[in-house]
Structure formats: structure tokens, C-alpha cells
Amino acid sequence: MLFRSMNKTAEIHMNYQTYIDKLLDHHYYQLMSQMKIEHITYEASYLNPHIISKSTQKMNQFSDVDKAYIHAKSHYHQGEYRKVYDLTKLNYHIDSHWLSLHLMTLDKLHDVETIKLMIDKEKEFKTCVKSTIIMNHLRHKYSKNKDELLNYLRTYILGYNHISDDYDLLDYLMMDAQYLFSKHQFYKEAALVTMTM
């Protein structure tokens, strides 16, 4: 949580070890373990998947599922969506974070039929705020007419000042909303998305 809300890479690198040392001095082992997981998950947003893989191998506190999620996230940020799909298709039913990553990956792969099937089965999945927002976005993108889609984009994307703190979700929604506005030749609103978000 700390790393996502800060979203300042230099500051994170300068202070990370200090926080870990203080937690260790005070015997807050569980919090230290949680912070290590948050840190490597944050690094997965920009580091090469090979480096992430080496880092997670050394961390015993990670389950195999946690390691696979971090690898999938790293591949996602590198644009290797087919590799992400191979990892998420095995796990999206067990956790809402996996589900969110799976849905965004399906959209990047333009797998409209699978997306529509998943939207129809939404109640069968373990959802969280993030996955619910993504499902709602995809429902409007692929199942609604042009007017309903544009109304959703204007009301929900441009109308809300604070959708989420999740960087991946905001980035996904921003880029897709820009694309959708531009596709329908609303270029001013496409530019407005960046300023709003």
C-alpha cells in the first residue's frame, strides 16, 4: 500500500531499506514480510521479468501463487500479454487480483468472445473493487451501443475525480478511454481524460 500511494520510485529506493531495518529492530516480522511483497510487486511494474524472477526465488515468504502473480504482472508491464494470459488463465478464479489482471490481458489481446462470456458469469467470480470496475468498463465497451458507451465515459471516467488508488487500473482506464473517445472522433474529450486522471 505504501509504495502504490507514494508512486515515487527514487524515494522508495532511498527509504526502503531504512523501513525494513526499523521493522526488523522492532521485531515486526509479518509487517516486514508484507512490505517486501509490496516492494517486489511495485518493482514488477518496471523491471525486466527475468530480474523479478531472480528476486522472488530468494524470497521464501512467497507462495508459488504469489510468485506467479508477480511474474504475470511483470510480463504485463512489458507488453508480453500472451505470457500473462498463460499465467492468469490458471489462477483468475481463485483471487480477484488475478481476475483483474486476466480481464485487462484479455482486452489487450482483443479476445472479445471470452470477455463477453466472463461478463455473463461475473457472479461466479471472487471480485473486488478493481475487478468490478474493469468488468463494468468492459461491459460498456463491448455490450453497449455508442451512445451508452460515450455516456459512461463522460459520466464515470471524466466525471469522477477519484476512481481508485491502483496505478495499474488508472493507467488501463486512461489509455482505453482515450482510445475509445478517439475511435468515435471525440478528440477533445480524449485529451481531457489525461488531465482528469
N, C-alpha and C. Protein backbone atom coordinates (compact mmCIF):
# COMPACT_ATOMS: atom_id res chain seq x y z
N MET A 1 0.82 -1.19 0.00
CA MET A 1 0.00 0.00 0.00
C MET A 1 0.87 1.26 0.00
N LEU A 2 1.90 1.27 0.85
CA LEU A 2 2.77 2.43 0.94
C LEU A 2 3.37 2.77 -0.41
N PHE A 3 3.87 1.76 -1.12
CA PHE A 3 4.57 2.01 -2.37
C PHE A 3 3.63 2.50 -3.45
N ARG A 4 2.43 1.93 -3.51
CA ARG A 4 1.49 2.35 -4.54
C ARG A 4 1.06 3.79 -4.32
N SER A 5 0.79 4.16 -3.06
CA SER A 5 0.31 5.51 -2.81
C SER A 5 1.41 6.54 -3.01
N MET A 6 2.65 6.17 -2.72
CA MET A 6 3.75 7.11 -2.94
C MET A 6 4.04 7.27 -4.43
N ASN A 7 4.17 6.15 -5.11
CA ASN A 7 4.42 6.13 -6.55
C ASN A 7 5.61 7.02 -6.94
N LYS A 8 6.63 7.05 -6.09
CA LYS A 8 7.83 7.82 -6.35
C LYS A 8 9.02 6.87 -6.24
N THR A 9 9.49 6.41 -7.37
CA THR A 9 10.50 5.36 -7.39
C THR A 9 11.77 5.74 -6.65
N ALA A 10 12.29 6.94 -6.87
CA ALA A 10 13.54 7.34 -6.21
C ALA A 10 13.37 7.37 -4.69
N GLU A 11 12.27 7.91 -4.23
CA GLU A 11 12.01 7.99 -2.79
C GLU A 11 11.85 6.59 -2.19
N ILE A 12 11.22 5.71 -2.93
CA ILE A 12 11.05 4.33 -2.47
C ILE A 12 12.42 3.66 -2.31
N HIS A 13 13.27 3.79 -3.31
CA HIS A 13 14.59 3.16 -3.24
C HIS A 13 15.45 3.74 -2.12
N MET A 14 15.32 5.04 -1.86
CA MET A 14 16.12 5.66 -0.80
C MET A 14 15.66 5.21 0.59
N ASN A 15 14.37 4.99 0.76
CA ASN A 15 13.83 4.72 2.10
C ASN A 15 13.49 3.27 2.40
N TYR A 16 13.47 2.44 1.39
CA TYR A 16 13.02 1.05 1.57
C TYR A 16 13.83 0.31 2.63
N GLN A 17 15.15 0.32 2.50
CA GLN A 17 15.99 -0.44 3.44
C GLN A 17 15.88 0.11 4.86
N THR A 18 15.71 1.42 4.99
CA THR A 18 15.54 2.03 6.31
C THR A 18 14.29 1.50 7.00
N TYR A 19 13.19 1.42 6.23
CA TYR A 19 11.95 0.87 6.78
C TYR A 19 12.13 -0.60 7.18
N ILE A 20 12.77 -1.36 6.33
CA ILE A 20 12.99 -2.79 6.62
C ILE A 20 13.82 -2.94 7.89
N ASP A 21 14.88 -2.16 8.02
CA ASP A 21 15.74 -2.23 9.21
C ASP A 21 14.98 -1.88 10.48
N LYS A 22 14.14 -0.84 10.42
CA LYS A 22 13.35 -0.45 11.60
C LYS A 22 12.36 -1.53 11.99
N LEU A 23 11.72 -2.12 11.00
CA LEU A 23 10.77 -3.20 11.28
C LEU A 23 11.47 -4.41 11.90
N LEU A 24 12.66 -4.70 11.40
CA LEU A 24 13.45 -5.80 11.94
C LEU A 24 13.87 -5.51 13.38
N ASP A 25 14.31 -4.27 13.65
CA ASP A 25 14.71 -3.88 15.01
C ASP A 25 13.57 -4.02 16.00
N HIS A 26 12.34 -3.75 15.55
CA HIS A 26 11.18 -3.81 16.43
C HIS A 26 10.47 -5.16 16.38
N HIS A 27 11.06 -6.10 15.66
CA HIS A 27 10.54 -7.48 15.56
C HIS A 27 9.15 -7.56 14.91
N TYR A 28 8.88 -6.67 13.96
CA TYR A 28 7.63 -6.71 13.22
C TYR A 28 7.84 -7.53 11.95
N TYR A 29 8.00 -8.83 12.14
CA TYR A 29 8.38 -9.70 11.03
C TYR A 29 7.28 -9.83 9.97
N GLN A 30 6.04 -9.91 10.42
CA GLN A 30 4.95 -10.06 9.46
C GLN A 30 4.79 -8.80 8.62
N LEU A 31 4.90 -7.64 9.25
CA LEU A 31 4.81 -6.38 8.52
C LEU A 31 5.99 -6.23 7.56
N MET A 32 7.17 -6.69 7.99
CA MET A 32 8.35 -6.64 7.14
C MET A 32 8.14 -7.54 5.91
N SER A 33 7.60 -8.72 6.14
CA SER A 33 7.33 -9.64 5.04
C SER A 33 6.32 -9.04 4.06
N GLN A 34 5.29 -8.40 4.60
CA GLN A 34 4.27 -7.76 3.77
C GLN A 34 4.89 -6.63 2.95
N MET A 35 5.79 -5.86 3.58
CA MET A 35 6.43 -4.75 2.87
C MET A 35 7.33 -5.26 1.75
N LYS A 36 8.01 -6.38 1.98
CA LYS A 36 8.86 -6.96 0.93
C LYS A 36 8.02 -7.39 -0.27
N ILE A 37 6.85 -7.97 0.01
CA ILE A 37 5.95 -8.38 -1.06
C ILE A 37 5.46 -7.15 -1.83
N GLU A 38 5.07 -6.10 -1.10
CA GLU A 38 4.62 -4.86 -1.75
C GLU A 38 5.74 -4.26 -2.61
N HIS A 39 6.95 -4.32 -2.11
CA HIS A 39 8.09 -3.72 -2.81
C HIS A 39 8.38 -4.45 -4.12
N ILE A 40 8.45 -5.77 -4.07
CA ILE A 40 8.76 -6.54 -5.29
C ILE A 40 7.59 -6.44 -6.28
N THR A 41 6.36 -6.33 -5.77
CA THR A 41 5.19 -6.15 -6.65
C THR A 41 5.27 -4.80 -7.35
N TYR A 42 5.71 -3.78 -6.62
CA TYR A 42 5.89 -2.46 -7.21
C TYR A 42 6.99 -2.51 -8.27
N GLU A 43 8.10 -3.17 -7.96
CA GLU A 43 9.21 -3.27 -8.92
C GLU A 43 8.80 -4.02 -10.18
N ALA A 44 7.84 -4.93 -10.06
CA ALA A 44 7.37 -5.69 -11.23
C ALA A 44 6.75 -4.78 -12.28
N SER A 45 6.39 -3.56 -11.88
CA SER A 45 5.80 -2.61 -12.83
C SER A 45 6.82 -2.07 -13.82
N TYR A 46 8.10 -2.15 -13.50
CA TYR A 46 9.08 -1.56 -14.41
C TYR A 46 10.34 -2.41 -14.64
N LEU A 47 10.60 -3.40 -13.79
CA LEU A 47 11.78 -4.22 -14.00
C LEU A 47 11.51 -5.37 -14.97
N ASN A 48 12.57 -5.83 -15.61
CA ASN A 48 12.51 -6.95 -16.53
C ASN A 48 12.03 -8.21 -15.80
N PRO A 49 11.16 -9.01 -16.42
CA PRO A 49 10.65 -10.23 -15.77
C PRO A 49 11.76 -11.18 -15.30
N HIS A 50 12.88 -11.23 -16.01
CA HIS A 50 14.00 -12.10 -15.61
C HIS A 50 14.58 -11.65 -14.26
N ILE A 51 14.70 -10.34 -14.06
CA ILE A 51 15.21 -9.80 -12.79
C ILE A 51 14.21 -10.08 -11.67
N ILE A 52 12.92 -9.90 -11.96
CA ILE A 52 11.87 -10.17 -10.97
C ILE A 52 11.89 -11.64 -10.57
N SER A 53 12.07 -12.51 -11.55
CA SER A 53 12.11 -13.95 -11.27
C SER A 53 13.26 -14.29 -10.33
N LYS A 54 14.44 -13.71 -10.56
CA LYS A 54 15.59 -13.96 -9.69
C LYS A 54 15.33 -13.45 -8.28
N SER A 55 14.70 -12.29 -8.18
CA SER A 55 14.42 -11.71 -6.86
C SER A 55 13.42 -12.55 -6.07
N THR A 56 12.37 -13.01 -6.72
CA THR A 56 11.35 -13.78 -6.00
C THR A 56 11.84 -15.17 -5.59
N GLN A 57 12.80 -15.73 -6.33
CA GLN A 57 13.34 -17.05 -5.97
C GLN A 57 14.02 -17.02 -4.60
N LYS A 58 14.57 -15.87 -4.23
CA LYS A 58 15.28 -15.74 -2.97
C LYS A 58 14.33 -15.50 -1.79
N MET A 59 13.07 -15.23 -2.06
CA MET A 59 12.13 -14.85 -1.01
C MET A 59 11.27 -16.05 -0.61
N ASN A 60 11.57 -16.60 0.53
CA ASN A 60 10.86 -17.80 1.00
C ASN A 60 9.44 -17.52 1.47
N GLN A 61 9.16 -16.24 1.82
CA GLN A 61 7.83 -15.92 2.35
C GLN A 61 6.76 -15.90 1.27
N PHE A 62 7.16 -16.01 0.01
CA PHE A 62 6.21 -16.02 -1.10
C PHE A 62 5.72 -17.43 -1.38
N SER A 63 4.42 -17.55 -1.59
CA SER A 63 3.89 -18.82 -2.08
C SER A 63 4.15 -18.87 -3.58
N ASP A 64 3.99 -20.04 -4.17
CA ASP A 64 4.17 -20.17 -5.62
C ASP A 64 3.16 -19.32 -6.38
N VAL A 65 1.95 -19.19 -5.82
CA VAL A 65 0.91 -18.39 -6.46
C VAL A 65 1.29 -16.90 -6.42
N ASP A 66 1.85 -16.45 -5.29
CA ASP A 66 2.30 -15.06 -5.18
C ASP A 66 3.41 -14.77 -6.19
N LYS A 67 4.34 -15.70 -6.31
CA LYS A 67 5.44 -15.53 -7.27
C LYS A 67 4.92 -15.48 -8.70
N ALA A 68 3.98 -16.35 -9.00
CA ALA A 68 3.41 -16.38 -10.36
C ALA A 68 2.68 -15.07 -10.66
N TYR A 69 1.98 -14.50 -9.66
CA TYR A 69 1.26 -13.24 -9.87
C TYR A 69 2.25 -12.11 -10.17
N ILE A 70 3.34 -12.07 -9.41
CA ILE A 70 4.35 -11.02 -9.62
C ILE A 70 4.99 -11.18 -10.99
N HIS A 71 5.25 -12.41 -11.40
CA HIS A 71 5.79 -12.66 -12.75
C HIS A 71 4.80 -12.19 -13.82
N ALA A 72 3.53 -12.54 -13.62
CA ALA A 72 2.50 -12.15 -14.58
C ALA A 72 2.40 -10.64 -14.70
N LYS A 73 2.44 -9.96 -13.56
CA LYS A 73 2.37 -8.50 -13.56
C LYS A 73 3.58 -7.91 -14.29
N SER A 74 4.74 -8.48 -14.08
CA SER A 74 5.95 -8.01 -14.75
C SER A 74 5.83 -8.17 -16.27
N HIS A 75 5.35 -9.33 -16.71
CA HIS A 75 5.15 -9.56 -18.15
C HIS A 75 4.10 -8.60 -18.72
N TYR A 76 3.06 -8.32 -17.93
CA TYR A 76 2.01 -7.39 -18.38
C TYR A 76 2.61 -6.02 -18.68
N HIS A 77 3.44 -5.54 -17.79
CA HIS A 77 4.03 -4.21 -17.97
C HIS A 77 5.07 -4.18 -19.08
N GLN A 78 5.54 -5.33 -19.49
CA GLN A 78 6.47 -5.41 -20.62
C GLN A 78 5.71 -5.62 -21.93
N GLY A 79 4.40 -5.74 -21.86
CA GLY A 79 3.59 -5.92 -23.06
C GLY A 79 3.59 -7.35 -23.58
N GLU A 80 3.99 -8.30 -22.74
CA GLU A 80 4.04 -9.71 -23.13
C GLU A 80 2.73 -10.38 -22.71
N TYR A 81 1.65 -10.00 -23.39
CA TYR A 81 0.30 -10.38 -22.96
C TYR A 81 0.01 -11.88 -23.11
N ARG A 82 0.62 -12.53 -24.07
CA ARG A 82 0.39 -13.97 -24.24
C ARG A 82 0.96 -14.73 -23.04
N LYS A 83 2.12 -14.31 -22.53
CA LYS A 83 2.70 -14.95 -21.34
C LYS A 83 1.83 -14.68 -20.12
N VAL A 84 1.30 -13.47 -20.03
CA VAL A 84 0.41 -13.13 -18.91
C VAL A 84 -0.83 -14.01 -18.97
N TYR A 85 -1.39 -14.15 -20.16
CA TYR A 85 -2.59 -14.97 -20.32
C TYR A 85 -2.34 -16.40 -19.86
N ASP A 86 -1.18 -16.95 -20.23
CA ASP A 86 -0.86 -18.33 -19.84
C ASP A 86 -0.82 -18.49 -18.32
N LEU A 87 -0.39 -17.44 -17.61
CA LEU A 87 -0.34 -17.49 -16.14
C LEU A 87 -1.71 -17.21 -15.52
N THR A 88 -2.43 -16.22 -16.05
CA THR A 88 -3.69 -15.83 -15.43
C THR A 88 -4.82 -16.82 -15.68
N LYS A 89 -4.78 -17.51 -16.81
CA LYS A 89 -5.89 -18.44 -17.10
C LYS A 89 -5.96 -19.58 -16.08
N LEU A 90 -4.85 -19.85 -15.41
CA LEU A 90 -4.81 -20.91 -14.40
C LEU A 90 -5.30 -20.44 -13.04
N ASN A 91 -5.28 -19.12 -12.80
CA ASN A 91 -5.50 -18.62 -11.44
C ASN A 91 -6.58 -17.57 -11.28
N TYR A 92 -7.20 -17.09 -12.36
CA TYR A 92 -8.13 -15.97 -12.22
C TYR A 92 -9.35 -16.30 -11.37
N HIS A 93 -9.69 -17.57 -11.22
CA HIS A 93 -10.86 -17.95 -10.45
C HIS A 93 -10.60 -18.00 -8.94
N ILE A 94 -9.31 -17.94 -8.53
CA ILE A 94 -9.01 -18.09 -7.10
C ILE A 94 -8.88 -16.76 -6.36
N ASP A 95 -8.63 -15.66 -7.09
CA ASP A 95 -8.36 -14.40 -6.42
C ASP A 95 -8.77 -13.24 -7.33
N SER A 96 -9.28 -12.18 -6.73
CA SER A 96 -9.77 -11.04 -7.52
C SER A 96 -8.63 -10.28 -8.20
N HIS A 97 -7.42 -10.30 -7.62
CA HIS A 97 -6.28 -9.63 -8.28
C HIS A 97 -5.91 -10.35 -9.57
N TRP A 98 -5.95 -11.67 -9.51
CA TRP A 98 -5.71 -12.47 -10.72
C TRP A 98 -6.80 -12.18 -11.76
N LEU A 99 -8.04 -12.09 -11.29
CA LEU A 99 -9.17 -11.83 -12.18
C LEU A 99 -8.99 -10.48 -12.89
N SER A 100 -8.60 -9.46 -12.14
CA SER A 100 -8.38 -8.13 -12.73
C SER A 100 -7.31 -8.17 -13.81
N LEU A 101 -6.20 -8.81 -13.50
CA LEU A 101 -5.10 -8.91 -14.46
C LEU A 101 -5.52 -9.72 -15.69
N HIS A 102 -6.29 -10.77 -15.46
CA HIS A 102 -6.78 -11.60 -16.57
C HIS A 102 -7.69 -10.80 -17.50
N LEU A 103 -8.60 -10.03 -16.93
CA LEU A 103 -9.53 -9.23 -17.73
C LEU A 103 -8.79 -8.18 -18.55
N MET A 104 -7.85 -7.49 -17.93
CA MET A 104 -7.09 -6.47 -18.66
C MET A 104 -6.27 -7.11 -19.79
N THR A 105 -5.75 -8.31 -19.52
CA THR A 105 -4.96 -9.03 -20.53
C THR A 105 -5.84 -9.47 -21.70
N LEU A 106 -7.02 -9.99 -21.40
CA LEU A 106 -7.95 -10.38 -22.46
C LEU A 106 -8.29 -9.20 -23.35
N ASP A 107 -8.46 -8.03 -22.73
CA ASP A 107 -8.76 -6.84 -23.51
C ASP A 107 -7.57 -6.45 -24.39
N LYS A 108 -6.36 -6.55 -23.85
CA LYS A 108 -5.17 -6.23 -24.64
C LYS A 108 -5.01 -7.20 -25.81
N LEU A 109 -5.45 -8.46 -25.61
CA LEU A 109 -5.37 -9.47 -26.67
C LEU A 109 -6.58 -9.42 -27.60
N HIS A 110 -7.53 -8.53 -27.32
CA HIS A 110 -8.75 -8.36 -28.13
C HIS A 110 -9.58 -9.65 -28.21
N ASP A 111 -9.63 -10.37 -27.10
CA ASP A 111 -10.40 -11.62 -27.04
C ASP A 111 -11.83 -11.29 -26.58
N VAL A 112 -12.60 -10.72 -27.48
CA VAL A 112 -13.93 -10.20 -27.15
C VAL A 112 -14.88 -11.30 -26.72
N GLU A 113 -14.84 -12.44 -27.38
CA GLU A 113 -15.77 -13.53 -27.04
C GLU A 113 -15.56 -14.02 -25.61
N THR A 114 -14.32 -14.20 -25.21
CA THR A 114 -14.04 -14.65 -23.85
C THR A 114 -14.45 -13.58 -22.84
N ILE A 115 -14.21 -12.32 -23.16
CA ILE A 115 -14.60 -11.23 -22.27
C ILE A 115 -16.11 -11.24 -22.06
N LYS A 116 -16.87 -11.40 -23.13
CA LYS A 116 -18.34 -11.41 -23.02
C LYS A 116 -18.82 -12.60 -22.18
N LEU A 117 -18.18 -13.75 -22.36
CA LEU A 117 -18.54 -14.92 -21.55
C LEU A 117 -18.27 -14.67 -20.07
N MET A 118 -17.14 -14.02 -19.78
CA MET A 118 -16.79 -13.75 -18.38
C MET A 118 -17.73 -12.72 -17.77
N ILE A 119 -18.13 -11.73 -18.54
CA ILE A 119 -19.07 -10.73 -18.03
C ILE A 119 -20.40 -11.39 -17.68
N ASP A 120 -20.83 -12.33 -18.52
CA ASP A 120 -22.08 -13.06 -18.24
C ASP A 120 -22.00 -13.90 -16.97
N LYS A 121 -20.77 -14.35 -16.63
CA LYS A 121 -20.57 -15.21 -15.44
C LYS A 121 -20.01 -14.43 -14.26
N GLU A 122 -20.13 -13.12 -14.26
CA GLU A 122 -19.49 -12.27 -13.24
C GLU A 122 -19.79 -12.72 -11.81
N LYS A 123 -21.00 -13.16 -11.54
CA LYS A 123 -21.38 -13.54 -10.17
C LYS A 123 -20.66 -14.79 -9.68
N GLU A 124 -20.07 -15.54 -10.59
CA GLU A 124 -19.35 -16.76 -10.20
C GLU A 124 -17.93 -16.47 -9.71
N PHE A 125 -17.43 -15.26 -9.93
CA PHE A 125 -16.04 -14.93 -9.60
C PHE A 125 -15.93 -14.20 -8.26
N LYS A 126 -14.74 -14.34 -7.66
CA LYS A 126 -14.41 -13.55 -6.48
C LYS A 126 -13.97 -12.18 -6.97
N THR A 127 -14.79 -11.18 -6.71
CA THR A 127 -14.49 -9.85 -7.23
C THR A 127 -14.08 -8.91 -6.10
N CYS A 128 -13.39 -7.85 -6.48
CA CYS A 128 -13.04 -6.76 -5.58
C CYS A 128 -13.44 -5.48 -6.30
N VAL A 129 -13.15 -4.35 -5.70
CA VAL A 129 -13.50 -3.06 -6.34
C VAL A 129 -12.84 -2.95 -7.71
N LYS A 130 -11.57 -3.31 -7.79
CA LYS A 130 -10.82 -3.19 -9.05
C LYS A 130 -11.44 -4.05 -10.15
N SER A 131 -11.67 -5.33 -9.85
CA SER A 131 -12.22 -6.23 -10.88
C SER A 131 -13.64 -5.83 -11.27
N THR A 132 -14.41 -5.30 -10.32
CA THR A 132 -15.77 -4.84 -10.62
C THR A 132 -15.73 -3.63 -11.56
N ILE A 133 -14.79 -2.71 -11.33
CA ILE A 133 -14.64 -1.54 -12.20
C ILE A 133 -14.26 -1.99 -13.61
N ILE A 134 -13.34 -2.95 -13.70
CA ILE A 134 -12.90 -3.45 -15.02
C ILE A 134 -14.06 -4.14 -15.74
N MET A 135 -14.80 -4.97 -15.02
CA MET A 135 -15.96 -5.65 -15.62
C MET A 135 -16.97 -4.63 -16.15
N ASN A 136 -17.23 -3.60 -15.36
CA ASN A 136 -18.18 -2.57 -15.77
C ASN A 136 -17.67 -1.85 -17.03
N HIS A 137 -16.39 -1.55 -17.05
CA HIS A 137 -15.79 -0.89 -18.21
C HIS A 137 -15.91 -1.76 -19.46
N LEU A 138 -15.58 -3.03 -19.33
CA LEU A 138 -15.64 -3.94 -20.48
C LEU A 138 -17.07 -4.19 -20.93
N ARG A 139 -18.00 -4.20 -19.99
CA ARG A 139 -19.42 -4.36 -20.34
C ARG A 139 -19.87 -3.20 -21.24
N HIS A 140 -19.49 -1.99 -20.86
CA HIS A 140 -19.85 -0.83 -21.67
C HIS A 140 -19.11 -0.83 -23.01
N LYS A 141 -17.87 -1.25 -22.98
CA LYS A 141 -17.06 -1.24 -24.20
C LYS A 141 -17.56 -2.23 -25.24
N TYR A 142 -17.97 -3.43 -24.80
CA TYR A 142 -18.29 -4.49 -25.75
C TYR A 142 -19.77 -4.84 -25.86
N SER A 143 -20.60 -4.38 -24.92
CA SER A 143 -22.00 -4.80 -24.95
C SER A 143 -23.00 -3.66 -25.11
N LYS A 144 -22.52 -2.43 -25.05
CA LYS A 144 -23.44 -1.29 -25.14
C LYS A 144 -23.29 -0.59 -26.48
N ASN A 145 -24.32 0.19 -26.84
CA ASN A 145 -24.22 0.95 -28.09
C ASN A 145 -23.34 2.18 -27.89
N LYS A 146 -23.09 2.90 -28.97
CA LYS A 146 -22.18 4.05 -28.95
C LYS A 146 -22.62 5.11 -27.94
N ASP A 147 -23.91 5.45 -27.91
CA ASP A 147 -24.40 6.48 -27.00
C ASP A 147 -24.23 6.09 -25.54
N GLU A 148 -24.52 4.82 -25.23
CA GLU A 148 -24.36 4.34 -23.86
C GLU A 148 -22.89 4.32 -23.46
N LEU A 149 -22.03 3.93 -24.39
CA LEU A 149 -20.59 3.92 -24.12
C LEU A 149 -20.08 5.33 -23.85
N LEU A 150 -20.43 6.27 -24.71
CA LEU A 150 -19.96 7.65 -24.54
C LEU A 150 -20.52 8.28 -23.26
N ASN A 151 -21.75 7.96 -22.94
CA ASN A 151 -22.34 8.46 -21.70
C ASN A 151 -21.56 7.92 -20.49
N TYR A 152 -21.25 6.63 -20.53
CA TYR A 152 -20.45 6.02 -19.45
C TYR A 152 -19.08 6.70 -19.33
N LEU A 153 -18.40 6.89 -20.46
CA LEU A 153 -17.08 7.51 -20.44
C LEU A 153 -17.14 8.94 -19.88
N ARG A 154 -18.15 9.68 -20.29
CA ARG A 154 -18.26 11.07 -19.82
C ARG A 154 -18.64 11.13 -18.34
N THR A 155 -19.54 10.25 -17.95
CA THR A 155 -20.02 10.27 -16.57
C THR A 155 -19.02 9.64 -15.60
N TYR A 156 -18.56 8.46 -15.95
CA TYR A 156 -17.75 7.71 -14.99
C TYR A 156 -16.26 8.05 -15.07
N ILE A 157 -15.71 8.09 -16.26
CA ILE A 157 -14.28 8.34 -16.40
C ILE A 157 -13.96 9.82 -16.23
N LEU A 158 -14.68 10.69 -16.93
CA LEU A 158 -14.41 12.12 -16.82
C LEU A 158 -15.09 12.76 -15.61
N GLY A 159 -16.16 12.16 -15.13
CA GLY A 159 -16.94 12.76 -14.05
C GLY A 159 -16.42 12.48 -12.67
N TYR A 160 -15.65 11.42 -12.49
CA TYR A 160 -15.13 11.07 -11.17
C TYR A 160 -13.72 11.61 -11.02
N ASN A 161 -13.46 12.26 -9.89
CA ASN A 161 -12.11 12.74 -9.62
C ASN A 161 -11.24 11.65 -9.01
N HIS A 162 -11.87 10.65 -8.42
CA HIS A 162 -11.10 9.65 -7.70
C HIS A 162 -11.74 8.27 -7.89
N ILE A 163 -11.30 7.55 -8.91
CA ILE A 163 -11.84 6.22 -9.17
C ILE A 163 -11.18 5.20 -8.26
N SER A 164 -9.85 5.26 -8.17
CA SER A 164 -9.09 4.28 -7.41
C SER A 164 -7.67 4.80 -7.17
N ASP A 165 -6.97 4.18 -6.22
CA ASP A 165 -5.55 4.48 -6.00
C ASP A 165 -4.66 3.53 -6.79
N ASP A 166 -5.25 2.52 -7.39
CA ASP A 166 -4.47 1.49 -8.07
C ASP A 166 -3.91 2.03 -9.39
N TYR A 167 -2.59 2.12 -9.46
CA TYR A 167 -1.93 2.70 -10.64
C TYR A 167 -2.25 1.90 -11.90
N ASP A 168 -2.21 0.58 -11.82
CA ASP A 168 -2.47 -0.26 -13.00
C ASP A 168 -3.87 -0.03 -13.54
N LEU A 169 -4.83 0.07 -12.64
CA LEU A 169 -6.22 0.30 -13.05
C LEU A 169 -6.37 1.67 -13.69
N LEU A 170 -5.81 2.70 -13.07
CA LEU A 170 -5.91 4.05 -13.62
C LEU A 170 -5.25 4.14 -14.99
N ASP A 171 -4.10 3.52 -15.13
CA ASP A 171 -3.39 3.53 -16.41
C ASP A 171 -4.22 2.83 -17.49
N TYR A 172 -4.77 1.67 -17.13
CA TYR A 172 -5.59 0.90 -18.07
C TYR A 172 -6.82 1.71 -18.51
N LEU A 173 -7.55 2.28 -17.54
CA LEU A 173 -8.75 3.04 -17.86
C LEU A 173 -8.43 4.30 -18.66
N MET A 174 -7.34 4.97 -18.30
CA MET A 174 -6.97 6.20 -19.00
C MET A 174 -6.65 5.91 -20.47
N MET A 175 -5.80 4.91 -20.70
CA MET A 175 -5.41 4.60 -22.07
C MET A 175 -6.60 4.12 -22.90
N ASP A 176 -7.45 3.29 -22.30
CA ASP A 176 -8.58 2.76 -23.03
C ASP A 176 -9.64 3.83 -23.30
N ALA A 177 -9.88 4.69 -22.32
CA ALA A 177 -10.85 5.78 -22.52
C ALA A 177 -10.38 6.73 -23.61
N GLN A 178 -9.09 7.02 -23.63
CA GLN A 178 -8.55 7.86 -24.71
C GLN A 178 -8.79 7.21 -26.07
N TYR A 179 -8.50 5.91 -26.13
CA TYR A 179 -8.69 5.17 -27.38
C TYR A 179 -10.16 5.20 -27.82
N LEU A 180 -11.07 4.97 -26.87
CA LEU A 180 -12.50 4.91 -27.21
C LEU A 180 -13.04 6.26 -27.65
N PHE A 181 -12.64 7.33 -26.95
CA PHE A 181 -13.06 8.67 -27.39
C PHE A 181 -12.51 8.97 -28.78
N SER A 182 -11.24 8.67 -29.01
CA SER A 182 -10.63 8.93 -30.32
C SER A 182 -11.27 8.11 -31.42
N LYS A 183 -11.59 6.86 -31.10
CA LYS A 183 -12.23 5.97 -32.08
C LYS A 183 -13.54 6.56 -32.59
N HIS A 184 -14.26 7.25 -31.70
CA HIS A 184 -15.53 7.87 -32.07
C HIS A 184 -15.36 9.35 -32.43
N GLN A 185 -14.11 9.77 -32.62
CA GLN A 185 -13.74 11.10 -33.09
C GLN A 185 -14.09 12.22 -32.11
N PHE A 186 -13.99 11.93 -30.81
CA PHE A 186 -14.15 12.94 -29.77
C PHE A 186 -12.75 13.22 -29.20
N TYR A 187 -11.97 13.95 -29.98
CA TYR A 187 -10.55 14.13 -29.65
C TYR A 187 -10.32 15.04 -28.45
N LYS A 188 -11.15 16.04 -28.27
CA LYS A 188 -11.01 16.92 -27.12
C LYS A 188 -11.23 16.15 -25.82
N GLU A 189 -12.24 15.29 -25.82
CA GLU A 189 -12.51 14.50 -24.63
C GLU A 189 -11.42 13.46 -24.40
N ALA A 190 -10.85 12.95 -25.48
CA ALA A 190 -9.72 12.01 -25.36
C ALA A 190 -8.55 12.69 -24.64
N ALA A 191 -8.27 13.95 -25.00
CA ALA A 191 -7.19 14.70 -24.36
C ALA A 191 -7.55 15.04 -22.92
N LEU A 192 -8.83 15.28 -22.67
CA LEU A 192 -9.30 15.64 -21.33
C LEU A 192 -9.14 14.48 -20.34
N VAL A 193 -9.17 13.25 -20.84
CA VAL A 193 -9.01 12.08 -19.98
C VAL A 193 -7.69 12.16 -19.22
N THR A 194 -6.60 12.50 -19.92
CA THR A 194 -5.29 12.58 -19.29
C THR A 194 -5.27 13.63 -18.19
N MET A 195 -5.82 14.81 -18.45
CA MET A 195 -5.84 15.86 -17.44
C MET A 195 -6.70 15.48 -16.24
N THR A 196 -7.80 14.79 -16.50
CA THR A 196 -8.71 14.39 -15.42
C THR A 196 -8.10 13.32 -14.53
N MET A 197 -7.44 12.34 -15.15
CA MET A 197 -6.95 11.20 -14.39
C MET A 197 -5.53 11.38 -13.90
